[in-house]
């Protein structure tokens, strides 16, 4: 089994995830992708006790977690597409956090 360890590139092309310059480097885009995927996985694992409290069927537990991971990613892209329509979002966020 070969384990590949990637060094972080100091700066990178925004369109590529791995740069090869004699050595493989992970760009900031790739590192961000890994962090987002890891947080999706943590949220899915965190919801397992809640699903087990409702149902003992393992099929329900597994499928709800798979759909939770897929749903978070779809929700992120949906919000990224419509965020320009929320004119008062910054003002409301400031009011809520005060």
Protein backbone atom coordinates (compact mmCIF):
# COMPACT_ATOMS: atom_id res chain seq x y z
CA UNK A 1 0.00 0.00 0.00
CA UNK A 2 1.43 3.36 -1.05
CA UNK A 3 0.59 6.33 1.12
CA UNK A 4 0.93 9.70 -0.57
CA UNK A 5 1.55 12.70 1.66
CA UNK A 6 0.89 16.05 0.02
CA UNK A 7 2.65 19.22 1.07
CA UNK A 8 0.62 22.41 1.09
CA UNK A 9 1.45 24.80 -1.72
CA UNK A 10 2.11 28.39 -0.61
CA UNK A 11 -0.21 29.62 -3.35
CA UNK A 12 -1.97 27.84 -6.11
CA UNK A 13 -4.04 27.91 -9.21
CA UNK A 14 -7.71 28.32 -8.29
CA UNK A 15 -8.77 25.83 -10.96
CA UNK A 16 -6.57 22.91 -9.88
CA UNK A 17 -6.52 20.86 -6.73
CA UNK A 18 -3.05 19.29 -6.99
CA UNK A 19 0.03 20.91 -8.51
CA UNK A 20 2.94 18.81 -9.70
CA UNK A 21 6.27 20.60 -9.84
CA UNK A 22 8.52 17.62 -9.37
CA UNK A 23 6.58 17.02 -6.16
CA UNK A 24 2.85 16.89 -5.49
CA UNK A 25 1.40 19.89 -3.65
CA UNK A 26 -2.11 20.36 -2.32
CA UNK A 27 -3.50 23.76 -3.25
CA UNK A 28 -5.71 25.81 -0.92
CA UNK A 29 -8.71 24.71 -3.02
CA UNK A 30 -7.94 21.04 -2.30
CA UNK A 31 -7.45 21.69 1.43
CA UNK A 32 -10.77 23.58 1.57
CA UNK A 33 -12.52 20.69 -0.17
CA UNK A 34 -11.11 18.21 2.35
CA UNK A 35 -12.26 20.38 5.28
CA UNK A 36 -15.80 20.71 3.86
CA UNK A 37 -16.07 16.97 3.25
CA UNK A 38 -14.76 16.23 6.74
CA UNK A 39 -17.33 18.56 8.31
CA UNK A 40 -20.10 16.83 6.30
CA UNK A 41 -18.91 13.50 7.68
CA UNK A 42 -18.83 14.82 11.26
CA UNK A 43 -22.42 16.13 10.97
CA UNK A 44 -23.59 12.78 9.59
CA UNK A 45 -21.91 10.79 12.36
CA UNK A 46 -23.27 13.24 14.93
CA UNK A 47 -26.83 12.51 13.83
CA UNK A 48 -26.57 8.73 14.34
CA UNK A 49 -27.73 8.79 18.02
CA UNK A 50 -30.74 10.92 17.05
CA UNK A 51 -31.75 8.47 14.32
CA UNK A 52 -31.23 5.48 16.63
CA UNK A 53 -33.55 7.12 19.16
CA UNK A 54 -36.30 7.13 16.54
CA UNK A 55 -35.70 3.81 14.76
CA UNK A 56 -33.90 0.52 15.37
CA UNK A 57 -33.80 -0.33 11.66
CA UNK A 58 -30.19 -0.10 10.46
CA UNK A 59 -31.31 0.55 6.89
CA UNK A 60 -33.05 3.73 8.05
CA UNK A 61 -29.95 4.79 9.99
CA UNK A 62 -27.56 4.30 7.06
CA UNK A 63 -29.79 5.86 4.41
CA UNK A 64 -30.61 8.88 6.57
CA UNK A 65 -26.91 9.56 7.05
CA UNK A 66 -26.14 9.16 3.35
CA UNK A 67 -28.95 11.54 2.46
CA UNK A 68 -27.78 13.95 5.17
CA UNK A 69 -24.33 14.13 3.58
CA UNK A 70 -25.77 14.58 0.09
CA UNK A 71 -28.31 17.11 1.32
CA UNK A 72 -25.71 19.30 3.05
CA UNK A 73 -23.70 19.53 -0.14
CA UNK A 74 -26.77 20.37 -2.23
CA UNK A 75 -27.88 22.95 0.33
CA UNK A 76 -24.46 24.59 0.24
CA UNK A 77 -24.56 24.98 -3.54
CA UNK A 78 -28.17 26.18 -3.45
CA UNK A 79 -27.33 28.85 -0.86
CA UNK A 80 -24.19 29.88 -2.76
CA UNK A 81 -26.34 30.46 -5.84
CA UNK A 82 -29.03 32.59 -4.17
CA UNK A 83 -26.97 34.52 -1.60
CA UNK A 84 -26.91 37.55 -3.91
CA UNK A 85 -30.70 37.91 -3.49
CA UNK A 86 -30.47 38.32 0.28
CA UNK A 87 -29.89 42.07 0.52
CA UNK A 88 -30.53 42.34 4.27
CA UNK A 89 -28.60 39.25 5.31
CA UNK A 90 -25.65 41.16 6.78
CA UNK A 91 -27.90 43.54 8.74
CA UNK A 92 -30.05 40.72 10.15
CA UNK A 93 -26.99 38.66 11.05
CA UNK A 94 -25.59 41.64 12.97
CA UNK A 95 -28.89 42.11 14.80
CA UNK A 96 -29.07 38.46 15.79
CA UNK A 97 -25.49 38.29 17.06
CA UNK A 98 -25.65 41.54 19.10
